[in-house]
Protein backbone atom coordinates (compact mmCIF):
# COMPACT_ATOMS: atom_id res chain seq x y z
CA MET A 1 -0.04 -0.10 -0.29
CA GLY A 2 2.83 2.09 1.16
CA SER A 3 4.64 1.65 -2.28
CA GLU A 4 1.75 2.38 -4.30
CA SER A 5 0.79 4.99 -2.52
CA CYS A 6 4.25 6.19 -3.28
CA GLU A 7 3.92 5.62 -6.99
CA ASN A 8 1.17 7.73 -7.10
CA THR A 9 2.25 10.94 -5.47
CA LEU A 10 5.62 10.55 -8.25
CA LEU A 11 3.38 10.52 -11.36
CA LYS A 12 3.76 13.59 -13.62
CA LYS A 13 1.00 14.97 -15.06
CA PRO A 14 0.72 14.84 -18.73
CA ARG A 15 0.88 18.25 -20.86
CA PHE A 16 -1.17 18.64 -23.70
CA LEU A 17 -1.40 21.06 -25.88
CA CYS A 18 -4.88 21.67 -26.77
CA LEU A 19 -5.85 22.28 -30.86
CA HIS A 20 -9.34 23.29 -31.02
CA GLY A 21 -12.38 22.91 -33.61
CA PHE A 22 -12.69 25.11 -36.42
CA ARG A 23 -14.13 28.70 -36.43
CA THR A 24 -13.91 28.11 -32.26
CA SER A 25 -11.21 28.92 -30.04
CA ALA A 26 -9.16 27.89 -27.56
CA GLU A 27 -11.75 29.33 -24.57
CA ILE A 28 -14.46 27.60 -26.55
CA MET A 29 -12.36 24.20 -26.43
CA LYS A 30 -11.80 24.86 -22.49
CA LYS A 31 -15.34 25.39 -22.07
CA GLN A 32 -16.16 21.89 -24.00
CA MET A 33 -13.39 19.85 -21.97
CA GLY A 34 -15.17 21.05 -19.08
CA LYS A 35 -17.59 18.55 -19.34
CA TRP A 36 -14.86 15.94 -18.47
CA PRO A 37 -15.13 14.94 -14.77
CA GLU A 38 -12.43 16.86 -12.54
CA LEU A 39 -11.31 13.14 -11.35
CA VAL A 40 -9.81 12.97 -15.49
CA LEU A 41 -9.07 17.04 -15.35
CA ASP A 42 -6.71 16.91 -12.64
CA LYS A 43 -4.77 14.35 -14.08
CA LEU A 44 -3.85 16.46 -16.90
CA ASP A 45 -1.82 19.46 -17.99
CA LEU A 46 -3.92 21.00 -20.30
CA VAL A 47 -2.39 23.89 -22.45
CA TYR A 48 -5.41 25.84 -25.14
CA LEU A 49 -3.63 27.72 -28.12
CA ASP A 50 -6.12 30.19 -30.88
CA ALA A 51 -5.65 29.43 -33.66
CA PRO A 52 -3.66 31.39 -36.42
CA PHE A 53 -6.40 32.85 -38.53
CA PRO A 54 -9.39 34.63 -37.89
CA ALA A 55 -12.80 32.89 -38.68
CA GLU A 56 -13.15 33.66 -42.74
CA GLY A 57 -17.26 32.71 -42.22
CA LYS A 58 -20.26 31.42 -40.20
CA SER A 59 -19.04 29.10 -37.06
CA ASP A 60 -21.23 26.43 -36.71
CA VAL A 61 -21.04 26.93 -32.40
CA GLU A 62 -22.56 31.04 -33.51
CA GLY A 63 -25.27 31.62 -30.68
CA ILE A 64 -23.75 28.82 -28.35
CA PHE A 65 -20.53 30.37 -27.73
CA GLU A 66 -19.12 34.03 -28.13
CA PRO A 67 -16.54 35.05 -30.48
CA PRO A 68 -14.27 35.51 -31.81
CA TYR A 69 -13.71 32.49 -33.78
CA TYR A 70 -10.89 31.28 -35.33
CA GLU A 71 -9.17 28.42 -37.83
CA TRP A 72 -6.41 26.13 -38.26
CA PHE A 73 -6.01 26.59 -42.08
CA GLN A 74 -8.64 26.98 -45.05
CA PHE A 75 -9.75 24.23 -47.70
CA ASN A 76 -11.49 23.61 -50.78
CA LYS A 77 -15.08 21.59 -50.83
CA GLU A 78 -13.56 18.35 -51.25
CA PHE A 79 -11.22 19.54 -48.20
CA THR A 80 -8.29 18.10 -50.50
CA GLU A 81 -6.37 21.37 -51.37
CA TYR A 82 -5.44 23.38 -48.37
CA THR A 83 -4.50 27.31 -48.06
CA ASN A 84 -2.36 28.83 -45.63
CA PHE A 85 -1.36 25.22 -43.82
CA ASP A 86 2.31 25.64 -44.59
CA GLU A 87 2.04 29.30 -41.81
CA CYS A 88 0.13 27.00 -39.52
CA LEU A 89 2.71 25.02 -38.45
CA PRO A 90 5.34 27.39 -38.01
CA TYR A 91 3.07 29.03 -35.88
CA ILE A 92 1.96 25.41 -33.14
CA GLU A 93 5.94 25.17 -33.31
CA ASP A 94 6.30 29.14 -31.94
CA PHE A 95 4.02 28.62 -29.28
CA MET A 96 5.63 24.86 -28.49
CA ILE A 97 8.73 26.60 -27.77
CA LYS A 98 7.79 29.55 -25.72
CA HIS A 99 5.33 27.56 -23.58
CA GLY A 100 6.54 23.57 -23.77
CA PRO A 101 7.81 20.93 -23.75
CA PHE A 102 4.49 19.87 -24.54
CA ASP A 103 3.70 15.49 -23.79
CA GLY A 104 1.46 15.20 -26.07
CA LEU A 105 -1.91 17.04 -28.79
CA LEU A 106 -5.26 17.07 -27.53
CA GLY A 107 -7.46 17.85 -30.46
CA PHE A 108 -10.93 18.64 -31.53
CA SER A 109 -12.34 17.89 -34.97
CA GLN A 110 -10.06 20.43 -37.25
CA GLY A 111 -7.72 20.34 -34.24
CA ALA A 112 -8.11 16.60 -33.92
CA ILE A 113 -7.10 15.95 -37.27
CA LEU A 114 -4.45 18.48 -37.07
CA SER A 115 -2.93 16.65 -33.59
CA ALA A 116 -3.45 13.06 -35.21
CA GLY A 117 -0.75 14.23 -38.70
CA LEU A 118 1.74 16.41 -36.64
CA PRO A 119 3.24 13.00 -35.13
CA GLY A 120 4.09 11.62 -38.93
CA LEU A 121 4.54 15.25 -39.80
CA GLN A 122 7.59 15.53 -37.16
CA ALA A 123 8.86 12.40 -37.74
CA GLU A 124 9.71 13.09 -41.76
CA GLY A 125 11.20 16.15 -40.38
CA LEU A 126 8.68 18.37 -42.24
CA ALA A 127 7.18 19.91 -38.81
CA LEU A 128 7.88 20.52 -35.09
CA LYS A 129 11.72 19.66 -35.55
CA LYS A 130 12.60 21.63 -33.19
CA VAL A 131 10.67 20.55 -30.07
CA PRO A 132 10.59 17.47 -28.23
CA LYS A 133 8.95 14.16 -29.98
CA ILE A 134 4.46 14.28 -29.57
CA LYS A 135 5.14 10.96 -27.13
CA PHE A 136 0.79 10.84 -26.90
CA LEU A 137 -2.11 11.69 -28.67
CA LEU A 138 -6.24 12.42 -27.63
CA ILE A 139 -8.27 12.71 -30.49
CA ILE A 140 -11.43 14.26 -30.25
CA GLY A 141 -13.71 13.48 -33.68
CA GLY A 142 -10.74 13.49 -35.80
CA ALA A 143 -10.34 12.11 -39.22
CA LYS A 144 -7.20 11.90 -41.52
CA PHE A 145 -5.78 14.52 -43.80
CA LYS A 146 -7.55 14.82 -47.13
CA SER A 147 -4.82 16.62 -49.52
CA PRO A 148 -2.63 14.10 -50.70
CA SER A 149 0.35 16.33 -50.60
CA VAL A 150 0.12 16.51 -46.59
CA ALA A 151 -0.99 12.90 -46.27
CA ASP A 152 1.58 11.15 -48.18
CA LYS A 153 3.48 12.33 -45.28
CA ALA A 154 1.63 12.13 -42.32
CA TYR A 155 0.71 8.71 -43.01
CA ALA A 156 3.88 7.19 -44.58
CA SER A 157 4.55 5.24 -41.55
CA PRO A 158 2.05 4.70 -38.53
CA ILE A 159 2.03 6.33 -35.95
CA GLU A 160 3.55 5.29 -33.17
CA CYS A 161 2.22 7.53 -29.97
CA PRO A 162 -0.11 6.10 -27.46
CA SER A 163 -3.77 7.37 -28.85
CA LEU A 164 -7.10 7.36 -27.10
CA HIS A 165 -9.58 8.24 -29.95
CA PHE A 166 -13.60 9.64 -29.64
CA LEU A 167 -16.12 8.48 -31.74
CA GLY A 168 -19.42 9.64 -32.24
CA GLU A 169 -22.46 7.25 -32.86
CA THR A 170 -23.77 9.68 -35.21
CA ASP A 171 -20.40 11.98 -35.84
CA PHE A 172 -20.79 12.75 -39.62
CA LEU A 173 -16.49 11.94 -39.27
CA LYS A 174 -16.63 8.51 -37.86
CA PRO A 175 -15.63 6.69 -40.52
CA TYR A 176 -12.94 9.00 -40.95
CA GLY A 177 -11.66 8.10 -37.68
CA ILE A 178 -12.15 4.96 -38.02
CA GLU A 179 -9.59 5.02 -41.43
CA LEU A 180 -7.41 6.94 -39.01
CA ILE A 181 -6.91 4.87 -36.12
CA ALA A 182 -6.40 1.97 -38.55
CA CYS A 183 -3.22 3.87 -39.57
CA CYS A 184 -2.12 4.21 -35.51
CA SER A 185 0.12 1.79 -34.07
CA ASP A 186 -1.54 2.00 -30.23
CA PRO A 187 -4.78 3.06 -30.07
CA VAL A 188 -7.33 3.19 -27.73
CA THR A 189 -11.38 4.10 -28.75
CA VAL A 190 -14.29 5.13 -26.92
CA HIS A 191 -17.33 4.71 -28.55
CA HIS A 192 -19.96 7.02 -27.29
CA PRO A 193 -23.86 7.69 -28.65
CA LYS A 194 -23.40 11.58 -30.00
CA GLY A 195 -22.34 13.26 -32.42
CA HIS A 196 -19.60 15.44 -33.14
CA THR A 197 -19.47 17.00 -30.10
CA VAL A 198 -16.89 16.49 -27.22
CA PRO A 199 -18.85 14.36 -24.94
CA ARG A 200 -19.03 13.42 -21.08
CA LEU A 201 -17.50 10.47 -19.77
CA ASP A 202 -20.15 7.89 -18.65
CA ASP A 203 -19.45 4.73 -16.33
CA LYS A 204 -18.10 3.07 -20.00
CA SER A 205 -15.59 5.34 -20.77
CA LEU A 206 -14.34 7.02 -17.78
CA PRO A 207 -12.52 3.60 -16.55
CA VAL A 208 -11.06 3.22 -19.92
CA VAL A 209 -9.83 7.03 -19.90
CA LEU A 210 -8.62 6.58 -16.83
CA GLY A 211 -6.32 3.33 -18.04
CA PHE A 212 -5.12 5.22 -20.42
CA ILE A 213 -4.06 8.48 -18.63
CA GLU A 214 -2.55 6.22 -16.09
CA ARG A 215 -0.44 4.24 -18.62
CA ILE A 216 0.56 7.11 -20.49
CA GLN A 217 1.76 9.13 -16.52
CA LYS A 218 3.67 5.63 -16.31
CA MET A 219 5.64 6.18 -19.20
CA LEU A 220 6.69 9.39 -18.11
CA ILE A 221 8.73 8.28 -14.57
């Protein structure tokens, strides 16, 4: 009992950089993550970052959350061509240099697509070259990059770091989230009944999330 208690006190809080959804903000994501119980949030060190570009159109959260709204990069209707993507990457890296080090990335929606693609781009030497290797991923409502010029590099090899993925039963991105999980070598999946949202944790998902956090905490000792 004594040794277990000692071990728990030595466990470090994994530090995650949190990347919000399309046309939302760091403040909005912080409120979305507030749905999770303190039991979970107290075990994580979460740092929230606004995307670099003001929203260029209407936000889906208008009337639910206050502006301003931001986006990480822009894309065409087919999601196959990106604008400002090359500007987005050094913006994130600069923040990580100034406010890191970070152990992992936590992303929702566009922020989840970005978070899940960054380890591969980092491994290829195309992003986050000046910061430590990303060790863990928390992916909520994620998917793969669709731009061939980015995807070919991001998924050139399996995503090696342990990853926790949340799949919503009615999320329009669910099929693409499943494709993303297939690219990961060490994924854990949480299914929830909602759509494209940060879900509350229920009696079934809470132990899975706590188990994942405990595992990655032990990897930081």
